[in-house]
Amino acid sequence: MTDSEPDDGLDALRHEIAACRICRDAPIRGLCHRLPHEPRPVAVLSRRARVLIAGQAPGLRVHESGLPFDDASGDRLRQWLHVDRPTFYDRDRFAIVPMGLCFPGYDANGSDLPPRRECAPVWQDRVLSVMPQIELVLAVGGHAQAWHMGAMRRENMTETVRAWRNSLESDRQPALLPLPHPSWRNTAWLKRNPWFEEELLPELRRRIKMLTC
């Protein structure tokens, strides 16, 4: 922290997050198995960014690199936002905080497990409290939508994203825009729902340009 930056608790929270081991040492009894590998929390907190990307949980590649969305999903998300990698990883432009801060491991079929359930109740409210400048939250995927949207969330992810105008036009502060997860597994979903690229993406890109310039 420099002399010109306020003592707002953000740096202390960064250190707390980096040291977090609750999913390994104190898992929720009866709900989650103990994380079998060393946790590596991945989150980007910012004093200046006006956009918060609320994702799901890091995958293995992100776990290894420590860089959020450092994978094919990130490439697609950057395409949606219409930003390059340097812009995306500029913490003065984007904060990035997933629902689960650590790679949760794989299920029996080799797919990523859901975000750890210990994470969000401990960190999400505190993260938002030290970033009051955030003006837009991008809720990426069903888990992020469940946490951030509350009663605005619809019966499934498709209907939640389809109602994106209602989210943006609500009185909620910061504004919220739901997005599907940019995983390759959602390629068929994108083909079945052309309105996403035709209607939602232009508004998303307009807002991102306005808030990150």
Protein backbone atom coordinates (compact mmCIF):
# COMPACT_ATOMS: atom_id res chain seq x y z
CA MET A 1 0.00 0.00 0.00
CA THR A 2 1.41 3.41 -0.95
CA ASP A 3 1.07 6.62 1.05
CA SER A 4 -1.66 7.77 -1.34
CA GLU A 5 -3.82 4.67 -0.83
CA PRO A 6 -6.29 4.51 2.06
CA ASP A 7 -6.03 1.95 4.85
CA ASP A 8 -9.30 0.34 3.79
CA GLY A 9 -8.56 -3.22 4.83
CA LEU A 10 -8.11 -4.45 1.29
CA ASP A 11 -4.48 -5.49 1.62
CA ALA A 12 -5.16 -7.25 4.92
CA LEU A 13 -8.03 -9.13 3.28
CA ARG A 14 -5.77 -10.17 0.41
CA HIS A 15 -3.35 -11.70 2.90
CA GLU A 16 -6.17 -13.46 4.76
CA ILE A 17 -7.49 -14.95 1.53
CA ALA A 18 -4.02 -16.11 0.46
CA ALA A 19 -3.59 -17.88 3.81
CA CYS A 20 -7.06 -19.47 3.83
CA ARG A 21 -7.10 -23.25 4.31
CA ILE A 22 -10.64 -23.85 5.60
CA CYS A 23 -11.58 -26.28 2.82
CA ARG A 24 -8.65 -28.48 3.84
CA ASP A 25 -8.54 -27.97 7.60
CA ALA A 26 -12.15 -27.19 8.55
CA PRO A 27 -14.54 -28.49 5.85
CA ILE A 28 -18.27 -28.12 6.41
CA ARG A 29 -19.31 -31.25 8.29
CA GLY A 30 -21.64 -33.50 6.34
CA LEU A 31 -21.56 -31.35 3.22
CA CYS A 32 -18.06 -31.38 1.77
CA HIS A 33 -15.18 -33.79 1.83
CA ARG A 34 -11.82 -32.40 2.88
CA LEU A 35 -9.92 -30.80 0.00
CA PRO A 36 -7.32 -33.44 -0.86
CA HIS A 37 -4.66 -31.08 -2.21
CA GLU A 38 -2.97 -27.91 -0.98
CA PRO A 39 -5.37 -24.97 -1.39
CA ARG A 40 -4.30 -22.06 -3.59
CA PRO A 41 -6.90 -19.28 -3.34
CA VAL A 42 -7.20 -17.26 -6.53
CA ALA A 43 -8.83 -13.82 -6.35
CA VAL A 44 -8.11 -10.33 -7.67
CA LEU A 45 -9.19 -7.51 -5.37
CA SER A 46 -9.01 -3.89 -6.47
CA ARG A 47 -9.38 -0.36 -5.13
CA ARG A 48 -10.20 1.11 -8.54
CA ALA A 49 -11.89 -1.49 -10.74
CA ARG A 50 -15.54 -0.78 -11.38
CA VAL A 51 -16.32 -4.26 -12.74
CA LEU A 52 -16.36 -7.42 -10.62
CA ILE A 53 -16.28 -10.78 -12.37
CA ALA A 54 -17.89 -13.33 -10.05
CA GLY A 55 -17.09 -16.76 -11.43
CA GLN A 56 -17.42 -20.33 -10.22
CA ALA A 57 -14.09 -21.80 -9.05
CA PRO A 58 -10.59 -22.16 -10.50
CA GLY A 59 -9.85 -25.10 -12.74
CA LEU A 60 -6.62 -27.09 -12.57
CA ARG A 61 -4.76 -24.81 -14.99
CA VAL A 62 -5.70 -21.74 -12.96
CA HIS A 63 -4.74 -23.58 -9.77
CA GLU A 64 -1.30 -24.19 -11.24
CA SER A 65 -0.75 -20.69 -12.65
CA GLY A 66 -2.53 -18.63 -9.99
CA LEU A 67 -4.04 -16.50 -12.77
CA PRO A 68 -7.87 -16.45 -12.94
CA PHE A 69 -9.46 -17.49 -16.24
CA ASP A 70 -6.06 -18.49 -17.60
CA ASP A 71 -7.62 -21.11 -19.87
CA ALA A 72 -9.92 -21.58 -22.84
CA SER A 73 -12.89 -20.37 -20.79
CA GLY A 74 -10.99 -17.16 -20.14
CA ASP A 75 -10.31 -16.75 -23.85
CA ARG A 76 -14.03 -16.96 -24.57
CA LEU A 77 -14.90 -14.61 -21.69
CA ARG A 78 -12.41 -12.02 -22.97
CA GLN A 79 -14.00 -12.35 -26.40
CA TRP A 80 -17.42 -11.68 -24.88
CA LEU A 81 -16.07 -8.63 -23.06
CA HIS A 82 -14.12 -7.51 -26.14
CA VAL A 83 -10.91 -6.96 -24.13
CA ASP A 84 -7.38 -8.29 -24.53
CA ARG A 85 -5.39 -10.13 -21.86
CA PRO A 86 -3.48 -7.08 -20.55
CA THR A 87 -6.75 -5.19 -20.08
CA PHE A 88 -8.45 -8.19 -18.48
CA TYR A 89 -5.64 -8.65 -15.95
CA ASP A 90 -5.35 -4.96 -15.13
CA ARG A 91 -6.60 -4.85 -11.53
CA ASP A 92 -7.51 -1.19 -11.98
CA ARG A 93 -10.15 -2.34 -14.49
CA PHE A 94 -11.37 -5.74 -13.31
CA ALA A 95 -11.73 -7.41 -9.95
CA ILE A 96 -12.16 -11.20 -10.15
CA VAL A 97 -13.56 -13.20 -7.23
CA PRO A 98 -15.05 -16.67 -7.79
CA MET A 99 -17.58 -18.36 -5.51
CA GLY A 100 -14.97 -20.95 -4.58
CA LEU A 101 -11.46 -19.53 -4.34
CA CYS A 102 -9.62 -22.85 -4.76
CA PHE A 103 -9.65 -25.62 -7.35
CA PRO A 104 -12.20 -28.10 -5.93
CA GLY A 105 -10.84 -31.18 -7.70
CA TYR A 106 -12.54 -33.62 -10.07
CA ASP A 107 -15.55 -35.87 -9.73
CA ALA A 108 -15.60 -39.56 -10.73
CA ASN A 109 -16.22 -38.60 -14.37
CA GLY A 110 -13.26 -36.24 -14.56
CA SER A 111 -15.33 -33.04 -14.45
CA ASP A 112 -14.61 -30.16 -12.09
CA LEU A 113 -16.48 -30.41 -8.82
CA PRO A 114 -18.75 -27.50 -7.78
CA PRO A 115 -17.22 -24.60 -5.85
CA ARG A 116 -16.40 -25.43 -2.25
CA ARG A 117 -19.30 -24.49 -0.02
CA GLU A 118 -17.07 -23.13 2.73
CA CYS A 119 -15.85 -20.20 0.63
CA ALA A 120 -18.71 -17.88 -0.23
CA PRO A 121 -20.15 -17.42 3.30
CA VAL A 122 -16.70 -16.51 4.61
CA TRP A 123 -15.41 -14.21 1.88
CA GLN A 124 -18.02 -12.78 -0.49
CA ASP A 125 -19.57 -10.10 1.74
CA ARG A 126 -16.16 -9.04 3.03
CA VAL A 127 -14.79 -8.75 -0.50
CA LEU A 128 -17.66 -6.50 -1.57
CA SER A 129 -17.30 -4.39 1.56
CA VAL A 130 -13.71 -3.41 0.68
CA MET A 131 -14.60 -2.62 -2.94
CA PRO A 132 -17.46 -0.09 -2.67
CA GLN A 133 -16.47 1.40 -6.03
CA ILE A 134 -17.76 -1.64 -7.96
CA GLU A 135 -20.55 -0.58 -10.33
CA LEU A 136 -21.20 -3.81 -12.24
CA VAL A 137 -21.10 -7.45 -11.14
CA LEU A 138 -20.90 -10.10 -13.86
CA ALA A 139 -22.43 -13.25 -12.34
CA VAL A 140 -20.82 -15.98 -14.43
CA GLY A 141 -22.58 -19.33 -14.12
CA GLY A 142 -25.30 -20.71 -11.89
CA HIS A 143 -23.40 -20.71 -8.60
CA ALA A 144 -22.50 -17.03 -8.88
CA GLN A 145 -26.06 -16.20 -9.90
CA ALA A 146 -27.47 -18.08 -6.92
CA TRP A 147 -25.30 -16.07 -4.52
CA HIS A 148 -25.50 -12.60 -6.05
CA MET A 149 -29.00 -12.48 -7.51
CA GLY A 150 -31.22 -13.84 -4.77
CA ALA A 151 -34.88 -13.56 -5.74
CA MET A 152 -33.96 -12.20 -9.17
CA ARG A 153 -32.66 -15.61 -10.16
CA ARG A 154 -35.06 -17.62 -12.34
CA GLU A 155 -35.75 -21.36 -12.36
CA ASN A 156 -32.61 -22.21 -14.35
CA MET A 157 -29.53 -20.60 -15.82
CA THR A 158 -31.05 -20.09 -19.28
CA GLU A 159 -34.06 -18.21 -17.98
CA THR A 160 -31.89 -16.23 -15.58
CA VAL A 161 -29.62 -15.04 -18.39
CA ARG A 162 -32.58 -14.51 -20.74
CA ALA A 163 -33.99 -12.03 -18.20
CA TRP A 164 -30.76 -10.00 -18.19
CA ARG A 165 -32.57 -6.73 -18.90
CA ASN A 166 -34.57 -7.09 -15.69
CA SER A 167 -31.35 -7.50 -13.74
CA LEU A 168 -29.72 -4.45 -15.26
CA GLU A 169 -32.82 -2.28 -14.90
CA SER A 170 -33.46 -3.16 -11.26
CA ASP A 171 -32.59 -0.78 -8.43
CA ARG A 172 -29.87 -3.15 -7.22
CA GLN A 173 -26.48 -1.55 -6.58
CA PRO A 174 -24.06 -2.46 -7.95
CA ALA A 175 -25.77 -3.37 -11.22
CA LEU A 176 -25.77 -7.06 -12.06
CA LEU A 177 -25.56 -8.93 -15.34
CA PRO A 178 -25.86 -12.75 -15.44
CA LEU A 179 -23.77 -14.68 -17.95
CA PRO A 180 -23.48 -18.37 -18.79
CA HIS A 181 -20.16 -19.96 -17.96
CA PRO A 182 -17.78 -19.51 -20.93
CA SER A 183 -16.75 -23.17 -20.80
CA TRP A 184 -16.53 -25.12 -24.05
CA ARG A 185 -19.27 -27.32 -22.58
CA ASN A 186 -21.70 -24.44 -23.21
CA THR A 187 -20.94 -24.19 -26.95
CA ALA A 188 -24.18 -26.03 -27.79
CA TRP A 189 -26.09 -23.70 -25.44
CA LEU A 190 -24.76 -20.68 -27.31
CA LYS A 191 -25.92 -22.15 -30.61
CA ARG A 192 -29.40 -22.81 -29.19
CA ASN A 193 -29.67 -19.30 -27.80
CA PRO A 194 -28.55 -16.85 -30.52
CA TRP A 195 -30.14 -13.95 -28.62
CA PHE A 196 -27.15 -14.09 -26.25
CA GLU A 197 -24.70 -12.92 -28.91
CA GLU A 198 -27.20 -10.77 -30.79
CA GLU A 199 -28.74 -8.88 -27.86
CA LEU A 200 -26.83 -9.35 -24.61
CA LEU A 201 -23.22 -9.15 -25.82
CA PRO A 202 -23.55 -5.70 -27.44
CA GLU A 203 -24.90 -4.27 -24.16
CA LEU A 204 -22.23 -6.09 -22.16
CA ARG A 205 -19.47 -4.69 -24.37
CA ARG A 206 -20.93 -1.18 -24.23
CA ARG A 207 -20.91 -1.22 -20.43
CA ILE A 208 -17.46 -2.77 -20.20
CA LYS A 209 -16.03 -0.10 -22.51
CA MET A 210 -17.69 2.63 -20.43
CA LEU A 211 -16.50 1.25 -17.07
CA THR A 212 -12.94 0.26 -18.01
CA CYS A 213 -11.83 3.20 -20.15
